[in-house]
PDB file of N, CA and C in Angstrom:
ATOM      1  N   CYS A   1       8.326  -1.236  16.243  1.00  0.00           N
ATOM      2  CA  CYS A   1       9.786  -1.576  17.249  1.00  0.00           C
ATOM      3  C   CYS A   1      10.334  -0.304  17.282  1.00  0.00           C
ATOM      4  N   LEU A   2      10.619   0.460  18.493  1.00  0.00           N
ATOM      5  CA  LEU A   2      11.475   0.852  18.399  1.00  0.00           C
ATOM      6  C   LEU A   2      12.745   0.943  19.362  1.00  0.00           C
ATOM      7  N   THR A   3      13.892   1.434  18.425  1.00  0.00           N
ATOM      8  CA  THR A   3      15.107   1.104  19.707  1.00  0.00           C
ATOM      9  C   THR A   3      15.617   2.257  19.635  1.00  0.00           C
ATOM     10  N   ILE A   4      16.422   2.740  20.804  1.00  0.00           N
ATOM     11  CA  ILE A   4      16.681   3.641  21.704  1.00  0.00           C
ATOM     12  C   ILE A   4      18.170   3.852  21.419  1.00  0.00           C
ATOM     13  N   LEU A   5      18.381   4.987  20.605  1.00  0.00           N
ATOM     14  CA  LEU A   5      19.768   5.335  20.692  1.00  0.00           C
ATOM     15  C   LEU A   5      20.290   6.356  21.771  1.00  0.00           C
ATOM     16  N   ALA A   6      19.373   6.772  21.710  1.00  0.00           N
ATOM     17  CA  ALA A   6      20.182   7.779  23.133  1.00  0.00           C
ATOM     18  C   ALA A   6      18.933   8.326  24.129  1.00  0.00           C
ATOM     19  N   GLY A   7      19.670   8.688  25.175  1.00  0.00           N
ATOM     20  CA  GLY A   7      18.397   9.543  26.096  1.00  0.00           C
ATOM     21  C   GLY A   7      17.255   7.934  26.837  1.00  0.00           C
ATOM     22  N   THR A   8      16.562   8.025  27.620  1.00  0.00           N
ATOM     23  CA  THR A   8      15.607   7.879  28.157  1.00  0.00           C
ATOM     24  C   THR A   8      14.096   8.082  28.006  1.00  0.00           C
ATOM     25  N   LEU A   9      13.209   6.767  27.318  1.00  0.00           N
ATOM     26  CA  LEU A   9      11.895   7.632  26.634  1.00  0.00           C
ATOM     27  C   LEU A   9      10.733   7.113  27.273  1.00  0.00           C
ATOM     28  N   THR A  10       9.733   7.452  28.014  1.00  0.00           N
ATOM     29  CA  THR A  10       8.579   6.956  28.525  1.00  0.00           C
ATOM     30  C   THR A  10       7.846   6.240  27.336  1.00  0.00           C
ATOM     31  N   LEU A  11       7.400   5.242  26.845  1.00  0.00           N
ATOM     32  CA  LEU A  11       5.807   4.800  26.401  1.00  0.00           C
ATOM     33  C   LEU A  11       5.033   4.494  27.265  1.00  0.00           C
ATOM     34  N   THR A  12       3.936   6.038  26.856  1.00  0.00           N
ATOM     35  CA  THR A  12       2.381   5.163  27.786  1.00  0.00           C
ATOM     36  C   THR A  12       1.096   5.404  27.063  1.00  0.00           C
ATOM     37  N   TRP A  13       0.247   4.412  27.422  1.00  0.00           N
ATOM     38  CA  TRP A  13      -0.849   4.252  26.903  1.00  0.00           C
ATOM     39  C   TRP A  13      -1.806   3.883  27.680  1.00  0.00           C
ATOM     40  N   ALA A  14      -3.501   3.817  27.442  1.00  0.00           N
ATOM     41  CA  ALA A  14      -4.138   3.843  28.309  1.00  0.00           C
ATOM     42  C   ALA A  14      -4.285   2.509  29.446  1.00  0.00           C
ATOM     43  N   GLY A  15      -3.209   1.589  29.613  1.00  0.00           N
ATOM     44  CA  GLY A  15      -3.187   0.726  30.533  1.00  0.00           C
ATOM     45  C   GLY A  15      -1.600   0.530  31.079  1.00  0.00           C
ATOM     46  N   GLY A  16      -0.922   1.520  30.648  1.00  0.00           N
ATOM     47  CA  GLY A  16       0.202   1.491  31.197  1.00  0.00           C
ATOM     48  C   GLY A  16       1.580   2.567  30.598  1.00  0.00           C
ATOM     49  N   GLU A  17       2.373   2.290  31.223  1.00  0.00           N
ATOM     50  CA  GLU A  17       3.803   2.958  30.695  1.00  0.00           C
ATOM     51  C   GLU A  17       5.063   2.288  31.236  1.00  0.00           C
ATOM     52  N   LEU A  18       5.776   2.037  30.208  1.00  0.00           N
ATOM     53  CA  LEU A  18       6.931   1.436  29.660  1.00  0.00           C
ATOM     54  C   LEU A  18       8.110   2.633  29.455  1.00  0.00           C
ATOM     55  N   SER A  19       9.225   2.815  30.363  1.00  0.00           N
ATOM     56  CA  SER A  19      10.370   2.749  30.459  1.00  0.00           C
ATOM     57  C   SER A  19      11.461   2.242  29.249  1.00  0.00           C
ATOM     58  N   ALA A  20      12.197   3.326  28.503  1.00  0.00           N
ATOM     59  CA  ALA A  20      13.470   2.274  27.767  1.00  0.00           C
ATOM     60  C   ALA A  20      14.981   3.134  27.385  1.00  0.00           C
ATOM     61  N   VAL A  21      15.883   3.189  27.839  1.00  0.00           N
ATOM     62  CA  VAL A  21      16.949   3.389  27.682  1.00  0.00           C
ATOM     63  C   VAL A  21      17.793   2.882  26.350  1.00  0.00           C
ATOM     64  N   LYS A  22      18.916   3.585  26.310  1.00  0.00           N
ATOM     65  CA  LYS A  22      19.629   3.282  25.406  1.00  0.00           C
ATOM     66  C   LYS A  22      20.237   1.995  25.626  1.00  0.00           C
ATOM     67  N   GLY A  23      19.858   1.312  24.373  1.00  0.00           N
ATOM     68  CA  GLY A  23      20.497   0.458  23.747  1.00  0.00           C
ATOM     69  C   GLY A  23      19.006  -0.822  24.224  1.00  0.00           C
ATOM     70  N   GLU A  24      18.175  -0.277  24.114  1.00  0.00           N
ATOM     71  CA  GLU A  24      16.886  -1.264  24.757  1.00  0.00           C
ATOM     72  C   GLU A  24      16.157  -1.014  23.683  1.00  0.00           C
ATOM     73  N   SER A  25      14.967  -2.351  23.214  1.00  0.00           N
ATOM     74  CA  SER A  25      14.373  -1.675  21.947  1.00  0.00           C
ATOM     75  C   SER A  25      13.166  -2.086  22.741  1.00  0.00           C
ATOM     76  N   VAL A  26      11.384  -1.619  21.952  1.00  0.00           N
ATOM     77  CA  VAL A  26      10.523  -2.392  22.333  1.00  0.00           C
ATOM     78  C   VAL A  26       9.733  -2.124  21.337  1.00  0.00           C
ATOM     79  N   PHE A  27       9.029  -3.106  21.641  1.00  0.00           N
ATOM     80  CA  PHE A  27       7.923  -3.776  20.422  1.00  0.00           C
ATOM     81  C   PHE A  27       6.430  -3.861  21.004  1.00  0.00           C
ATOM     82  N   ILE A  28       6.190  -3.129  19.936  1.00  0.00           N
ATOM     83  CA  ILE A  28       4.513  -2.412  20.427  1.00  0.00           C
ATOM     84  C   ILE A  28       3.841  -3.379  19.259  1.00  0.00           C
ATOM     85  N   PRO A  29       2.773  -3.694  19.895  1.00  0.00           N
ATOM     86  CA  PRO A  29       1.881  -4.491  19.206  1.00  0.00           C
ATOM     87  C   PRO A  29       0.825  -3.645  18.885  1.00  0.00           C
ATOM     88  N   ALA A  30      -0.312  -4.602  17.809  1.00  0.00           N
ATOM     89  CA  ALA A  30      -0.942  -3.482  16.861  1.00  0.00           C
ATOM     90  C   ALA A  30      -1.876  -3.097  17.838  1.00  0.00           C
ATOM     91  N   HIS A  31      -2.510  -4.455  18.423  1.00  0.00           N
ATOM     92  CA  HIS A  31      -3.823  -4.039  19.100  1.00  0.00           C
ATOM     93  C   HIS A  31      -3.544  -2.681  20.101  1.00  0.00           C
ATOM     94  N   LEU A  32      -2.402  -2.418  20.571  1.00  0.00           N
ATOM     95  CA  LEU A  32      -1.813  -1.741  21.680  1.00  0.00           C
ATOM     96  C   LEU A  32      -2.789  -0.299  21.526  1.00  0.00           C
ATOM     97  N   GLY A  33      -3.015   0.015  20.035  1.00  0.00           N
ATOM     98  CA  GLY A  33      -3.748   1.312  19.750  1.00  0.00           C
ATOM     99  C   GLY A  33      -2.414   2.561  20.513  1.00  0.00           C
ATOM    100  N   GLN A  34      -3.590   3.806  20.323  1.00  0.00           N
ATOM    101  CA  GLN A  34      -2.750   5.201  20.636  1.00  0.00           C
ATOM    102  C   GLN A  34      -1.638   4.885  22.301  1.00  0.00           C
ATOM    103  N   TYR A  35      -0.557   5.480  21.394  1.00  0.00           N
ATOM    104  CA  TYR A  35       0.231   5.546  22.327  1.00  0.00           C
ATOM    105  C   TYR A  35       1.258   7.086  22.079  1.00  0.00           C
ATOM    106  N   MET A  36       1.623   7.589  23.571  1.00  0.00           N
ATOM    107  CA  MET A  36       2.498   8.991  23.098  1.00  0.00           C
ATOM    108  C   MET A  36       4.029   8.266  23.638  1.00  0.00           C
ATOM    109  N   LEU A  37       4.665   8.995  23.741  1.00  0.00           N
ATOM    110  CA  LEU A  37       5.824   9.073  23.540  1.00  0.00           C
ATOM    111  C   LEU A  37       6.843  10.466  24.634  1.00  0.00           C
ATOM    112  N   HIS A  38       7.688  10.200  25.707  1.00  0.00           N
ATOM    113  CA  HIS A  38       7.868  11.059  26.652  1.00  0.00           C
ATOM    114  C   HIS A  38       8.928  11.250  27.193  1.00  0.00           C
ATOM    115  N   GLY A  39       9.557  12.024  27.457  1.00  0.00           N
ATOM    116  CA  GLY A  39      11.642  12.134  26.796  1.00  0.00           C
ATOM    117  C   GLY A  39      12.258  12.944  25.902  1.00  0.00           C
ATOM    118  N   MET A  40      13.347  12.564  26.668  1.00  0.00           N
ATOM    119  CA  MET A  40      14.634  13.127  25.221  1.00  0.00           C
ATOM    120  C   MET A  40      15.558  12.191  24.795  1.00  0.00           C
ATOM    121  N   GLY A  41      15.714  11.982  23.745  1.00  0.00           N
ATOM    122  CA  GLY A  41      16.449  11.224  23.482  1.00  0.00           C
ATOM    123  C   GLY A  41      16.189  10.598  21.579  1.00  0.00           C
ATOM    124  N   GLU A  42      17.442   9.334  21.098  1.00  0.00           N
ATOM    125  CA  GLU A  42      16.794   9.312  19.989  1.00  0.00           C
ATOM    126  C   GLU A  42      16.410   8.125  19.764  1.00  0.00           C
ATOM    127  N   LEU A  43      15.931   7.754  18.567  1.00  0.00           N
ATOM    128  CA  LEU A  43      15.522   6.112  18.124  1.00  0.00           C
ATOM    129  C   LEU A  43      14.665   5.960  17.083  1.00  0.00           C
ATOM    130  N   ILE A  44      15.164   4.566  16.180  1.00  0.00           N
ATOM    131  CA  ILE A  44      14.599   4.573  15.417  1.00  0.00           C
ATOM    132  C   ILE A  44      13.585   3.695  15.794  1.00  0.00           C
ATOM    133  N   LEU A  45      12.474   3.891  14.157  1.00  0.00           N
ATOM    134  CA  LEU A  45      11.310   3.209  14.565  1.00  0.00           C
ATOM    135  C   LEU A  45      11.109   2.063  13.236  1.00  0.00           C
ATOM    136  N   SER A  46      10.846   0.948  13.586  1.00  0.00           N
ATOM    137  CA  SER A  46      10.536  -0.481  12.956  1.00  0.00           C
ATOM    138  C   SER A  46       9.500  -0.535  12.894  1.00  0.00           C
ATOM    139  N   LYS A  47       9.296  -0.394  10.935  1.00  0.00           N
ATOM    140  CA  LYS A  47       7.720  -1.719  11.137  1.00  0.00           C
ATOM    141  C   LYS A  47       8.038  -2.520   9.811  1.00  0.00           C
ATOM    142  N   VAL A  48       7.170  -3.322  10.429  1.00  0.00           N
ATOM    143  CA  VAL A  48       7.029  -4.645   9.495  1.00  0.00           C
ATOM    144  C   VAL A  48       5.714  -4.765   8.887  1.00  0.00           C
TER     145      VAL A  48
END
């Protein structure tokens, strides 16, 4: 799970992309595989 603390970040993977802004959280399923983050900002990465 990524929680955006500041800025705007775009998560891209083979099947698409998703943008997130300050205050939003994005759940990344384990089967997603390789992904990349683009943009300027700060985030918290949580793992379970």
